[in-house]
Amino acid sequence: MNAAEHLAGQIRACRICRDAPLGRPLPQAPRPVVVVSTTARILIAGQAPGTRVHATGIPFNDPSGDRLRDWLGVDRAAFYDPSLFAIAPMGFCFPGQDTNGGDLPPRRECAPLWRASLMEAMPQIELVVAIGGHAHAWHLGKRAPVTETVAAWRAVLLRPGLPRVFPLPHPSWRNSGWLKKHGWFDTELLPVLRAEVGAAIPSISGNKFP
């Protein structure tokens, strides 16, 4: 077992949000969801699992995942191939829901405990697809409104150093209004995102997948 596999096992066994929570304990049994890879050049840095992901243990196994895969220009087979994509949300467990039925923010315990070690275990990562404000804040080192960060995607992508970061809003269908309001997301950002994914993973370029 290599260091990355060992770390993945530690993360899956983690129960800190139940046993030593920062605030209220996790409202259900922990089920950390993570895909660690020593070969993938792209990391999908999401927010936290939702209800369907919690039930299945499969990341982005929901309508948000369908939309994300469309944004990336890949199919399910490619997305779930750990040699192509690592997947690590900012919070590994489903955080529960608020009174309006929306998912709560990622648990505060995960990133301070695991994130730096996780990135060190995957030095081959060249591109981080950072989804939502919590992922933006950690991977860019500053917190800003999601719209501001995503609108500055060109400047973010051109920042020096590796891994490069491509900021996205959350692909939740709750953000459909945001997407309609910001037409540049479809016409300007997505073609470049798909080109970046194709460049990082040549086997899925050339319109092999939708």
N, C-alpha and C. Protein backbone atom coordinates (compact mmCIF):
# COMPACT_ATOMS: atom_id res chain seq x y z
N MET A 1 0.84 -1.20 0.00
CA MET A 1 0.00 0.00 0.00
C MET A 1 0.88 1.25 0.00
N ASN A 2 0.64 2.15 -0.97
CA ASN A 2 1.44 3.37 -1.01
C ASN A 2 0.87 4.42 -0.05
N ALA A 3 1.57 5.55 0.05
CA ALA A 3 1.18 6.58 1.02
C ALA A 3 -0.20 7.15 0.71
N ALA A 4 -0.49 7.32 -0.59
CA ALA A 4 -1.79 7.88 -0.95
C ALA A 4 -2.92 6.93 -0.57
N GLU A 5 -2.75 5.64 -0.83
CA GLU A 5 -3.77 4.66 -0.47
C GLU A 5 -3.95 4.59 1.04
N HIS A 6 -2.85 4.68 1.77
CA HIS A 6 -2.94 4.68 3.23
C HIS A 6 -3.71 5.90 3.74
N LEU A 7 -3.42 7.05 3.15
CA LEU A 7 -4.12 8.26 3.54
C LEU A 7 -5.60 8.16 3.22
N ALA A 8 -5.94 7.62 2.05
CA ALA A 8 -7.35 7.45 1.69
C ALA A 8 -8.06 6.57 2.71
N GLY A 9 -7.40 5.51 3.16
CA GLY A 9 -7.99 4.65 4.18
C GLY A 9 -8.20 5.37 5.49
N GLN A 10 -7.26 6.23 5.87
CA GLN A 10 -7.41 7.01 7.09
C GLN A 10 -8.60 7.97 6.98
N ILE A 11 -8.73 8.60 5.83
CA ILE A 11 -9.85 9.53 5.64
C ILE A 11 -11.17 8.79 5.72
N ARG A 12 -11.26 7.64 5.09
CA ARG A 12 -12.52 6.89 5.11
C ARG A 12 -12.87 6.39 6.50
N ALA A 13 -11.86 6.23 7.33
CA ALA A 13 -12.10 5.78 8.71
C ALA A 13 -12.31 6.94 9.67
N CYS A 14 -12.18 8.17 9.19
CA CYS A 14 -12.26 9.34 10.07
C CYS A 14 -13.66 9.49 10.64
N ARG A 15 -13.71 9.82 11.94
CA ARG A 15 -14.98 10.04 12.63
C ARG A 15 -14.91 11.30 13.50
N ILE A 16 -14.05 12.24 13.10
CA ILE A 16 -13.82 13.42 13.94
C ILE A 16 -15.08 14.26 14.09
N CYS A 17 -15.90 14.35 13.04
CA CYS A 17 -17.10 15.20 13.13
C CYS A 17 -18.16 14.57 14.03
N ARG A 18 -17.98 13.32 14.39
CA ARG A 18 -18.86 12.68 15.36
C ARG A 18 -18.23 12.69 16.75
N ASP A 19 -16.92 12.42 16.81
CA ASP A 19 -16.27 12.20 18.10
C ASP A 19 -15.64 13.46 18.69
N ALA A 20 -15.23 14.40 17.84
CA ALA A 20 -14.61 15.65 18.34
C ALA A 20 -15.04 16.80 17.45
N PRO A 21 -16.33 17.07 17.37
CA PRO A 21 -16.83 18.05 16.41
C PRO A 21 -16.49 19.49 16.79
N LEU A 22 -16.37 20.32 15.76
CA LEU A 22 -16.26 21.76 15.96
C LEU A 22 -17.68 22.32 15.83
N GLY A 23 -18.38 22.38 16.91
CA GLY A 23 -19.79 22.76 16.88
C GLY A 23 -20.66 21.53 17.05
N ARG A 24 -21.82 21.53 16.45
CA ARG A 24 -22.75 20.43 16.60
C ARG A 24 -22.22 19.18 15.90
N PRO A 25 -22.41 18.01 16.49
CA PRO A 25 -21.94 16.77 15.84
C PRO A 25 -22.66 16.53 14.53
N LEU A 26 -22.05 15.72 13.69
CA LEU A 26 -22.69 15.32 12.44
C LEU A 26 -24.04 14.69 12.75
N PRO A 27 -25.10 15.05 12.02
CA PRO A 27 -26.45 14.59 12.36
C PRO A 27 -26.74 13.16 11.95
N GLN A 28 -25.81 12.49 11.27
CA GLN A 28 -25.99 11.09 10.91
C GLN A 28 -24.64 10.39 10.97
N ALA A 29 -24.62 9.10 10.73
CA ALA A 29 -23.37 8.35 10.77
C ALA A 29 -22.41 8.88 9.71
N PRO A 30 -21.13 9.10 10.04
CA PRO A 30 -20.17 9.57 9.04
C PRO A 30 -19.99 8.56 7.91
N ARG A 31 -19.81 9.07 6.71
CA ARG A 31 -19.46 8.24 5.56
C ARG A 31 -18.58 9.06 4.64
N PRO A 32 -17.29 9.18 4.96
CA PRO A 32 -16.40 9.99 4.13
C PRO A 32 -16.33 9.47 2.70
N VAL A 33 -16.38 10.39 1.76
CA VAL A 33 -16.32 10.06 0.33
C VAL A 33 -15.12 10.77 -0.27
N VAL A 34 -14.20 9.99 -0.84
CA VAL A 34 -13.00 10.56 -1.44
C VAL A 34 -12.44 9.58 -2.46
N VAL A 35 -11.85 10.10 -3.52
CA VAL A 35 -11.13 9.29 -4.51
C VAL A 35 -9.72 9.86 -4.60
N VAL A 36 -8.76 9.13 -4.07
CA VAL A 36 -7.36 9.55 -4.09
C VAL A 36 -6.66 8.81 -5.22
N SER A 37 -5.79 9.49 -5.94
CA SER A 37 -5.12 8.90 -7.10
C SER A 37 -3.67 9.35 -7.15
N THR A 38 -2.80 8.45 -7.57
CA THR A 38 -1.39 8.80 -7.77
C THR A 38 -1.07 9.05 -9.24
N THR A 39 -2.08 8.94 -10.10
CA THR A 39 -1.85 9.14 -11.54
C THR A 39 -2.70 10.25 -12.14
N ALA A 40 -3.86 10.53 -11.55
CA ALA A 40 -4.74 11.55 -12.10
C ALA A 40 -4.06 12.91 -12.11
N ARG A 41 -4.26 13.65 -13.17
CA ARG A 41 -3.68 15.00 -13.28
C ARG A 41 -4.71 16.07 -12.94
N ILE A 42 -5.97 15.65 -12.76
CA ILE A 42 -7.04 16.59 -12.43
C ILE A 42 -7.67 16.20 -11.10
N LEU A 43 -7.83 17.18 -10.22
CA LEU A 43 -8.53 16.99 -8.96
C LEU A 43 -9.85 17.75 -9.00
N ILE A 44 -10.94 17.06 -8.73
CA ILE A 44 -12.24 17.70 -8.57
C ILE A 44 -12.39 18.03 -7.09
N ALA A 45 -12.34 19.31 -6.76
CA ALA A 45 -12.44 19.77 -5.37
C ALA A 45 -13.83 20.34 -5.15
N GLY A 46 -14.74 19.50 -4.66
CA GLY A 46 -16.10 19.92 -4.44
C GLY A 46 -16.33 20.50 -3.07
N GLN A 47 -17.59 20.56 -2.67
CA GLN A 47 -17.96 21.13 -1.38
C GLN A 47 -18.11 20.04 -0.34
N ALA A 48 -19.18 19.24 -0.46
CA ALA A 48 -19.45 18.13 0.46
C ALA A 48 -20.49 17.23 -0.18
N PRO A 49 -20.53 15.96 0.18
CA PRO A 49 -21.53 15.06 -0.39
C PRO A 49 -22.95 15.51 -0.07
N GLY A 50 -23.87 15.24 -0.98
CA GLY A 50 -25.29 15.45 -0.74
C GLY A 50 -25.94 14.16 -0.29
N THR A 51 -27.26 14.15 -0.24
CA THR A 51 -27.98 13.00 0.30
C THR A 51 -27.76 11.74 -0.54
N ARG A 52 -27.81 11.86 -1.87
CA ARG A 52 -27.66 10.68 -2.71
C ARG A 52 -26.24 10.15 -2.66
N VAL A 53 -25.28 11.06 -2.62
CA VAL A 53 -23.88 10.64 -2.51
C VAL A 53 -23.66 9.95 -1.17
N HIS A 54 -24.23 10.48 -0.11
CA HIS A 54 -24.11 9.85 1.21
C HIS A 54 -24.71 8.44 1.18
N ALA A 55 -25.82 8.28 0.48
CA ALA A 55 -26.49 6.97 0.45
C ALA A 55 -25.70 5.95 -0.36
N THR A 56 -25.03 6.40 -1.42
CA THR A 56 -24.35 5.46 -2.32
C THR A 56 -22.85 5.38 -2.10
N GLY A 57 -22.26 6.42 -1.51
CA GLY A 57 -20.81 6.46 -1.37
C GLY A 57 -20.08 6.79 -2.66
N ILE A 58 -20.83 7.23 -3.68
CA ILE A 58 -20.23 7.55 -4.98
C ILE A 58 -20.27 9.07 -5.17
N PRO A 59 -19.13 9.73 -5.34
CA PRO A 59 -19.13 11.19 -5.45
C PRO A 59 -19.86 11.69 -6.69
N PHE A 60 -20.59 12.78 -6.54
CA PHE A 60 -21.31 13.42 -7.65
C PHE A 60 -22.24 12.44 -8.36
N ASN A 61 -22.82 11.55 -7.59
CA ASN A 61 -23.76 10.57 -8.14
C ASN A 61 -25.19 11.12 -8.04
N ASP A 62 -25.41 12.26 -8.69
CA ASP A 62 -26.68 12.97 -8.57
C ASP A 62 -26.80 13.94 -9.74
N PRO A 63 -27.92 14.67 -9.86
CA PRO A 63 -28.06 15.60 -10.98
C PRO A 63 -26.94 16.65 -11.04
N SER A 64 -26.42 17.06 -9.88
CA SER A 64 -25.29 18.01 -9.91
C SER A 64 -24.10 17.39 -10.63
N GLY A 65 -23.87 16.11 -10.37
CA GLY A 65 -22.79 15.42 -11.05
C GLY A 65 -23.00 15.32 -12.55
N ASP A 66 -24.25 15.11 -12.96
CA ASP A 66 -24.55 15.07 -14.40
C ASP A 66 -24.19 16.41 -15.05
N ARG A 67 -24.57 17.48 -14.38
CA ARG A 67 -24.25 18.81 -14.92
C ARG A 67 -22.74 19.05 -14.92
N LEU A 68 -22.06 18.65 -13.86
CA LEU A 68 -20.61 18.84 -13.80
C LEU A 68 -19.92 18.07 -14.92
N ARG A 69 -20.33 16.84 -15.15
CA ARG A 69 -19.71 16.06 -16.23
C ARG A 69 -19.94 16.71 -17.59
N ASP A 70 -21.12 17.30 -17.77
CA ASP A 70 -21.38 18.03 -19.01
C ASP A 70 -20.44 19.24 -19.12
N TRP A 71 -20.25 19.95 -18.02
CA TRP A 71 -19.32 21.08 -18.04
C TRP A 71 -17.92 20.63 -18.43
N LEU A 72 -17.49 19.50 -17.88
CA LEU A 72 -16.13 19.01 -18.14
C LEU A 72 -15.99 18.39 -19.52
N GLY A 73 -17.11 17.95 -20.09
CA GLY A 73 -17.07 17.27 -21.38
C GLY A 73 -16.64 15.82 -21.29
N VAL A 74 -17.01 15.15 -20.19
CA VAL A 74 -16.64 13.75 -20.02
C VAL A 74 -17.88 12.93 -19.68
N ASP A 75 -17.80 11.62 -19.86
CA ASP A 75 -18.89 10.75 -19.48
C ASP A 75 -18.61 10.13 -18.10
N ARG A 76 -19.55 9.33 -17.61
CA ARG A 76 -19.40 8.73 -16.28
C ARG A 76 -18.18 7.82 -16.20
N ALA A 77 -17.94 7.07 -17.27
CA ALA A 77 -16.81 6.13 -17.23
C ALA A 77 -15.49 6.86 -17.02
N ALA A 78 -15.30 7.95 -17.73
CA ALA A 78 -14.06 8.72 -17.56
C ALA A 78 -14.02 9.40 -16.20
N PHE A 79 -15.14 9.98 -15.79
CA PHE A 79 -15.18 10.73 -14.53
C PHE A 79 -14.85 9.84 -13.34
N TYR A 80 -15.32 8.60 -13.38
CA TYR A 80 -15.10 7.70 -12.25
C TYR A 80 -13.88 6.81 -12.42
N ASP A 81 -13.04 7.11 -13.40
CA ASP A 81 -11.78 6.39 -13.57
C ASP A 81 -10.73 7.07 -12.69
N PRO A 82 -10.28 6.42 -11.60
CA PRO A 82 -9.35 7.08 -10.69
C PRO A 82 -7.98 7.34 -11.30
N SER A 83 -7.69 6.74 -12.44
CA SER A 83 -6.43 7.08 -13.11
C SER A 83 -6.52 8.42 -13.82
N LEU A 84 -7.77 8.92 -14.00
CA LEU A 84 -7.97 10.18 -14.71
C LEU A 84 -8.36 11.33 -13.78
N PHE A 85 -9.19 11.05 -12.79
CA PHE A 85 -9.70 12.09 -11.90
C PHE A 85 -9.55 11.66 -10.43
N ALA A 86 -8.97 12.53 -9.63
CA ALA A 86 -9.10 12.43 -8.17
C ALA A 86 -10.28 13.30 -7.76
N ILE A 87 -10.99 12.89 -6.73
CA ILE A 87 -12.19 13.62 -6.28
C ILE A 87 -12.12 13.77 -4.77
N ALA A 88 -12.05 14.99 -4.30
CA ALA A 88 -11.91 15.23 -2.87
C ALA A 88 -12.67 16.49 -2.47
N PRO A 89 -13.85 16.35 -1.88
CA PRO A 89 -14.59 17.53 -1.44
C PRO A 89 -13.91 18.19 -0.24
N MET A 90 -14.31 19.41 0.04
CA MET A 90 -13.74 20.12 1.19
C MET A 90 -14.21 19.49 2.50
N GLY A 91 -15.41 18.95 2.52
CA GLY A 91 -15.90 18.17 3.64
C GLY A 91 -16.24 16.78 3.12
N PHE A 92 -15.72 15.75 3.75
CA PHE A 92 -15.85 14.41 3.20
C PHE A 92 -17.19 13.74 3.50
N CYS A 93 -17.91 14.24 4.49
CA CYS A 93 -19.18 13.63 4.87
C CYS A 93 -20.34 14.57 4.58
N PHE A 94 -21.50 13.98 4.32
CA PHE A 94 -22.72 14.77 4.15
C PHE A 94 -22.97 15.56 5.44
N PRO A 95 -23.06 16.89 5.35
CA PRO A 95 -23.15 17.70 6.57
C PRO A 95 -24.56 17.84 7.13
N GLY A 96 -25.56 17.31 6.43
CA GLY A 96 -26.94 17.50 6.86
C GLY A 96 -27.57 18.68 6.13
N GLN A 97 -28.83 18.96 6.46
CA GLN A 97 -29.57 20.01 5.77
C GLN A 97 -30.06 21.08 6.73
N ASP A 98 -30.28 22.28 6.17
CA ASP A 98 -30.82 23.36 6.98
C ASP A 98 -32.35 23.27 7.01
N THR A 99 -32.98 24.23 7.64
CA THR A 99 -34.44 24.18 7.80
C THR A 99 -35.19 24.34 6.49
N ASN A 100 -34.51 24.84 5.45
CA ASN A 100 -35.14 25.01 4.14
C ASN A 100 -34.88 23.83 3.21
N GLY A 101 -34.20 22.81 3.71
CA GLY A 101 -33.92 21.64 2.89
C GLY A 101 -32.67 21.74 2.06
N GLY A 102 -31.90 22.81 2.24
CA GLY A 102 -30.64 22.94 1.53
C GLY A 102 -29.51 22.28 2.31
N ASP A 103 -28.49 21.84 1.60
CA ASP A 103 -27.35 21.23 2.27
C ASP A 103 -26.58 22.26 3.08
N LEU A 104 -26.14 21.87 4.26
CA LEU A 104 -25.31 22.74 5.09
C LEU A 104 -23.91 22.87 4.49
N PRO A 105 -23.13 23.85 4.92
CA PRO A 105 -21.76 23.99 4.42
C PRO A 105 -20.91 22.78 4.82
N PRO A 106 -19.77 22.58 4.16
CA PRO A 106 -18.87 21.49 4.55
C PRO A 106 -18.48 21.60 6.02
N ARG A 107 -18.31 20.46 6.65
CA ARG A 107 -17.88 20.46 8.04
C ARG A 107 -16.53 21.15 8.18
N ARG A 108 -16.36 21.85 9.30
CA ARG A 108 -15.13 22.61 9.51
C ARG A 108 -13.96 21.74 9.92
N GLU A 109 -14.20 20.49 10.29
CA GLU A 109 -13.12 19.65 10.78
C GLU A 109 -12.22 19.12 9.66
N CYS A 110 -12.79 18.90 8.47
CA CYS A 110 -12.10 18.15 7.43
C CYS A 110 -10.86 18.85 6.87
N ALA A 111 -11.03 20.05 6.35
CA ALA A 111 -9.93 20.70 5.63
C ALA A 111 -8.70 20.92 6.52
N PRO A 112 -8.85 21.45 7.75
CA PRO A 112 -7.65 21.63 8.56
C PRO A 112 -6.93 20.33 8.88
N LEU A 113 -7.68 19.25 9.01
CA LEU A 113 -7.08 17.98 9.40
C LEU A 113 -6.44 17.25 8.22
N TRP A 114 -7.08 17.30 7.04
CA TRP A 114 -6.68 16.41 5.97
C TRP A 114 -6.17 17.08 4.69
N ARG A 115 -6.54 18.32 4.42
CA ARG A 115 -6.34 18.86 3.07
C ARG A 115 -4.88 18.97 2.65
N ALA A 116 -4.04 19.49 3.51
CA ALA A 116 -2.63 19.65 3.14
C ALA A 116 -1.98 18.30 2.88
N SER A 117 -2.24 17.32 3.73
CA SER A 117 -1.67 15.99 3.54
C SER A 117 -2.18 15.36 2.26
N LEU A 118 -3.44 15.60 1.95
CA LEU A 118 -4.03 15.04 0.74
C LEU A 118 -3.34 15.60 -0.50
N MET A 119 -3.11 16.90 -0.52
CA MET A 119 -2.44 17.49 -1.67
C MET A 119 -0.99 17.03 -1.77
N GLU A 120 -0.33 16.87 -0.64
CA GLU A 120 1.05 16.37 -0.65
C GLU A 120 1.12 14.94 -1.18
N ALA A 121 0.07 14.16 -0.94
CA ALA A 121 0.05 12.77 -1.40
C ALA A 121 -0.22 12.65 -2.89
N MET A 122 -0.64 13.75 -3.52
CA MET A 122 -0.93 13.73 -4.95
C MET A 122 -0.16 14.83 -5.67
N PRO A 123 1.17 14.77 -5.65
CA PRO A 123 1.96 15.86 -6.24
C PRO A 123 1.84 15.94 -7.75
N GLN A 124 1.27 14.91 -8.38
CA GLN A 124 1.14 14.92 -9.84
C GLN A 124 -0.04 15.73 -10.33
N ILE A 125 -0.90 16.18 -9.42
CA ILE A 125 -2.07 16.97 -9.82
C ILE A 125 -1.61 18.27 -10.48
N GLU A 126 -2.14 18.53 -11.67
CA GLU A 126 -1.78 19.73 -12.42
C GLU A 126 -2.90 20.76 -12.45
N LEU A 127 -4.15 20.28 -12.33
CA LEU A 127 -5.30 21.18 -12.43
C LEU A 127 -6.31 20.82 -11.36
N VAL A 128 -6.68 21.82 -10.56
CA VAL A 128 -7.73 21.66 -9.56
C VAL A 128 -8.98 22.35 -10.06
N VAL A 129 -10.04 21.59 -10.27
CA VAL A 129 -11.34 22.17 -10.61
C VAL A 129 -12.03 22.46 -9.28
N ALA A 130 -11.99 23.72 -8.87
CA ALA A 130 -12.47 24.13 -7.54
C ALA A 130 -13.92 24.58 -7.64
N ILE A 131 -14.80 23.87 -6.95
CA ILE A 131 -16.24 24.08 -7.07
C ILE A 131 -16.79 24.73 -5.81
N GLY A 132 -17.25 25.96 -5.94
CA GLY A 132 -17.88 26.65 -4.82
C GLY A 132 -16.90 27.42 -3.95
N GLY A 133 -17.46 28.28 -3.10
CA GLY A 133 -16.65 29.22 -2.33
C GLY A 133 -15.67 28.59 -1.38
N HIS A 134 -16.02 27.48 -0.74
CA HIS A 134 -15.11 26.86 0.22
C HIS A 134 -13.88 26.30 -0.48
N ALA A 135 -14.07 25.67 -1.65
CA ALA A 135 -12.94 25.17 -2.42
C ALA A 135 -12.10 26.32 -2.98
N HIS A 136 -12.78 27.39 -3.42
CA HIS A 136 -12.04 28.56 -3.90
C HIS A 136 -11.13 29.10 -2.80
N ALA A 137 -11.68 29.26 -1.61
CA ALA A 137 -10.94 29.87 -0.51
C ALA A 137 -9.70 29.07 -0.17
N TRP A 138 -9.83 27.75 -0.10
CA TRP A 138 -8.67 26.94 0.31
C TRP A 138 -7.62 26.90 -0.80
N HIS A 139 -8.04 26.65 -2.02
CA HIS A 139 -7.07 26.45 -3.09
C HIS A 139 -6.51 27.75 -3.66
N LEU A 140 -7.19 28.86 -3.41
CA LEU A 140 -6.67 30.15 -3.86
C LEU A 140 -6.09 30.97 -2.72
N GLY A 141 -6.31 30.53 -1.50
CA GLY A 141 -5.73 31.21 -0.35
C GLY A 141 -6.43 32.48 0.05
N LYS A 142 -7.64 32.70 -0.45
CA LYS A 142 -8.40 33.88 -0.06
C LYS A 142 -9.88 33.62 -0.29
N ARG A 143 -10.70 34.29 0.48
CA ARG A 143 -12.15 34.14 0.35
C ARG A 143 -12.71 35.36 -0.36
N ALA A 144 -13.56 35.12 -1.34
CA ALA A 144 -14.22 36.18 -2.10
C ALA A 144 -15.56 35.65 -2.57
N PRO A 145 -16.49 36.53 -2.96
CA PRO A 145 -17.76 36.04 -3.49
C PRO A 145 -17.55 35.10 -4.67
N VAL A 146 -18.38 34.07 -4.75
CA VAL A 146 -18.22 33.08 -5.80
C VAL A 146 -18.29 33.71 -7.19
N THR A 147 -19.24 34.61 -7.40
CA THR A 147 -19.37 35.23 -8.72
C THR A 147 -18.10 35.99 -9.09
N GLU A 148 -17.55 36.71 -8.13
CA GLU A 148 -16.32 37.46 -8.39
C GLU A 148 -15.18 36.53 -8.78
N THR A 149 -15.04 35.43 -8.06
CA THR A 149 -13.94 34.49 -8.34
C THR A 149 -14.13 33.81 -9.69
N VAL A 150 -15.35 33.34 -9.97
CA VAL A 150 -15.58 32.64 -11.24
C VAL A 150 -15.44 33.61 -12.41
N ALA A 151 -15.91 34.84 -12.24
CA ALA A 151 -15.78 35.83 -13.32
C ALA A 151 -14.32 36.14 -13.63
N ALA A 152 -13.44 35.94 -12.66
CA ALA A 152 -12.01 36.18 -12.86
C ALA A 152 -11.27 34.91 -13.24
N TRP A 153 -11.97 33.94 -13.82
CA TRP A 153 -11.39 32.62 -14.07
C TRP A 153 -10.13 32.68 -14.93
N ARG A 154 -10.07 33.59 -15.87
CA ARG A 154 -8.88 33.68 -16.72
C ARG A 154 -7.65 34.04 -15.89
N ALA A 155 -7.78 35.06 -15.04
CA ALA A 155 -6.67 35.48 -14.21
C ALA A 155 -6.30 34.40 -13.20
N VAL A 156 -7.31 33.72 -12.66
CA VAL A 156 -7.04 32.64 -11.69
C VAL A 156 -6.27 31.51 -12.37
N LEU A 157 -6.70 31.15 -13.56
CA LEU A 157 -6.06 30.05 -14.28
C LEU A 157 -4.61 30.37 -14.64
N LEU A 158 -4.31 31.65 -14.85
CA LEU A 158 -2.96 32.06 -15.25
C LEU A 158 -2.04 32.36 -14.07
N ARG A 159 -2.55 32.19 -12.85
CA ARG A 159 -1.68 32.39 -11.69
C ARG A 159 -0.47 31.47 -11.79
N PRO A 160 0.72 31.96 -11.39
CA PRO A 160 1.91 31.10 -11.48
C PRO A 160 1.86 29.95 -10.49
N GLY A 161 2.56 28.90 -10.83
CA GLY A 161 2.67 27.77 -9.93
C GLY A 161 1.70 26.65 -10.25
N LEU A 162 1.96 25.49 -9.67
CA LEU A 162 1.11 24.32 -9.82
C LEU A 162 0.63 23.84 -8.47
N PRO A 163 -0.53 23.21 -8.41
CA PRO A 163 -1.45 23.01 -9.53
C PRO A 163 -2.18 24.30 -9.89
N ARG A 164 -2.58 24.42 -11.14
CA ARG A 164 -3.42 25.53 -11.54
C ARG A 164 -4.83 25.29 -11.04
N VAL A 165 -5.60 26.36 -10.89
CA VAL A 165 -6.95 26.26 -10.34
C VAL A 165 -7.94 26.84 -11.34
N PHE A 166 -9.01 26.08 -11.58
CA PHE A 166 -10.10 26.54 -12.44
C PHE A 166 -11.34 26.65 -11.56
N PRO A 167 -11.78 27.89 -11.24
CA PRO A 167 -12.91 28.05 -10.32
C PRO A 167 -14.25 27.91 -11.02
N LEU A 168 -15.17 27.19 -10.38
CA LEU A 168 -16.52 27.01 -10.91
C LEU A 168 -17.54 27.29 -9.81
N PRO A 169 -18.76 27.65 -10.19
CA PRO A 169 -19.85 27.65 -9.21
C PRO A 169 -20.26 26.20 -8.95
N HIS A 170 -21.10 26.00 -7.97
CA HIS A 170 -21.59 24.65 -7.74
C HIS A 170 -22.56 24.27 -8.87
N PRO A 171 -22.49 23.04 -9.36
CA PRO A 171 -23.38 22.65 -10.46
C PRO A 171 -24.80 22.30 -10.02
N SER A 172 -25.15 22.63 -8.80
CA SER A 172 -26.51 22.38 -8.31
C SER A 172 -27.54 23.04 -9.22
N TRP A 173 -28.68 22.39 -9.36
CA TRP A 173 -29.75 22.97 -10.15
C TRP A 173 -30.33 24.21 -9.48
N ARG A 174 -30.01 24.41 -8.23
CA ARG A 174 -30.40 25.66 -7.56
C ARG A 174 -29.69 26.86 -8.18
N ASN A 175 -28.60 26.63 -8.89
CA ASN A 175 -27.83 27.71 -9.51
C ASN A 175 -28.21 27.94 -10.97
N SER A 176 -29.32 27.36 -11.42
CA SER A 176 -29.72 27.55 -12.81
C SER A 176 -29.97 29.02 -13.14
N GLY A 177 -30.55 29.76 -12.21
CA GLY A 177 -30.77 31.18 -12.42
C GLY A 177 -29.46 31.94 -12.59
N TRP A 178 -28.46 31.58 -11.78
CA TRP A 178 -27.14 32.21 -11.89
C TRP A 178 -26.56 31.96 -13.27
N LEU A 179 -26.68 30.75 -13.76
CA LEU A 179 -26.12 30.41 -15.06
C LEU A 179 -26.81 31.17 -16.18
N LYS A 180 -28.13 31.34 -16.09
CA LYS A 180 -28.85 32.10 -17.10
C LYS A 180 -28.45 33.57 -17.08
N LYS A 181 -28.19 34.07 -15.90
CA LYS A 181 -27.82 35.49 -15.76
C LYS A 181 -26.42 35.77 -16.30
N HIS A 182 -25.54 34.79 -16.20
CA HIS A 182 -24.15 34.97 -16.60
C HIS A 182 -23.87 34.11 -17.83
N GLY A 183 -24.32 34.59 -18.98
CA GLY A 183 -24.19 33.83 -20.21
C GLY A 183 -22.77 33.52 -20.61
N TRP A 184 -21.81 34.34 -20.15
CA TRP A 184 -20.41 34.11 -20.49
C TRP A 184 -19.91 32.77 -19.96
N PHE A 185 -20.59 32.22 -18.94
CA PHE A 185 -20.16 30.94 -18.39
C PHE A 185 -20.22 29.86 -19.47
N ASP A 186 -21.32 29.82 -20.21
CA ASP A 186 -21.47 28.83 -21.28
C ASP A 186 -20.63 29.15 -22.50
N THR A 187 -20.62 30.40 -22.89
CA THR A 187 -20.00 30.76 -24.17
C THR A 187 -18.49 30.96 -24.10
N GLU A 188 -17.98 31.38 -22.93
CA GLU A 188 -16.55 31.69 -22.82
C GLU A 188 -15.80 30.72 -21.91
N LEU A 189 -16.36 30.46 -20.73
CA LEU A 189 -15.64 29.62 -19.76
C LEU A 189 -15.64 28.15 -20.13
N LEU A 190 -16.80 27.58 -20.44
CA LEU A 190 -16.88 26.13 -20.65
C LEU A 190 -16.01 25.62 -21.79
N PRO A 191 -15.92 26.32 -22.93
CA PRO A 191 -15.02 25.81 -23.97
C PRO A 191 -13.57 25.70 -23.50
N VAL A 192 -13.13 26.65 -22.68
CA VAL A 192 -11.76 26.61 -22.18
C VAL A 192 -11.62 25.49 -21.14
N LEU A 193 -12.61 25.33 -20.28
CA LEU A 193 -12.57 24.24 -19.30
C LEU A 193 -12.45 22.89 -20.00
N ARG A 194 -13.27 22.67 -21.01
CA ARG A 194 -13.21 21.39 -21.73
C ARG A 194 -11.88 21.20 -22.44
N ALA A 195 -11.32 22.28 -22.95
CA ALA A 195 -10.01 22.19 -23.60
C ALA A 195 -8.93 21.85 -22.58
N GLU A 196 -9.02 22.44 -21.37
CA GLU A 196 -8.05 22.14 -20.32
C GLU A 196 -8.14 20.68 -19.90
N VAL A 197 -9.36 20.17 -19.77
CA VAL A 197 -9.54 18.77 -19.40
C VAL A 197 -8.98 17.87 -20.51
N GLY A 198 -9.27 18.20 -21.76
CA GLY A 198 -8.76 17.41 -22.86
C GLY A 198 -7.24 17.43 -22.94
N ALA A 199 -6.63 18.56 -22.60
CA ALA A 199 -5.17 18.66 -22.63
C ALA A 199 -4.54 17.85 -21.51
N ALA A 200 -5.19 17.82 -20.35
CA ALA A 200 -4.66 17.07 -19.22
C ALA A 200 -4.85 15.57 -19.39
N ILE A 201 -5.92 15.21 -20.14
CA ILE A 201 -6.23 13.80 -20.35
C ILE A 201 -6.42 13.61 -21.85
N PRO A 202 -5.36 13.46 -22.62
CA PRO A 202 -5.47 13.40 -24.08
C PRO A 202 -6.42 12.31 -24.57
N SER A 203 -6.57 11.22 -23.82
CA SER A 203 -7.40 10.12 -24.27
C SER A 203 -8.87 10.48 -24.37
N ILE A 204 -9.28 11.60 -23.71
CA ILE A 204 -10.68 11.98 -23.79
C ILE A 204 -10.89 13.24 -24.64
N SER A 205 -9.84 13.66 -25.33
CA SER A 205 -9.99 14.81 -26.23
C SER A 205 -10.51 14.34 -27.58
N GLY A 206 -10.73 15.26 -28.48
CA GLY A 206 -11.18 14.90 -29.81
C GLY A 206 -12.62 14.47 -29.87
N ASN A 207 -13.44 15.02 -28.97
CA ASN A 207 -14.89 14.75 -28.99
C ASN A 207 -15.22 13.26 -28.80
N LYS A 208 -14.35 12.52 -28.09
CA LYS A 208 -14.66 11.13 -27.82
C LYS A 208 -15.91 11.01 -26.95
N PHE A 209 -16.05 11.96 -26.02
CA PHE A 209 -17.20 11.97 -25.15
C PHE A 209 -17.98 13.25 -25.40
N PRO A 210 -19.26 13.29 -25.01
CA PRO A 210 -20.07 14.50 -25.24
C PRO A 210 -19.56 15.66 -24.41
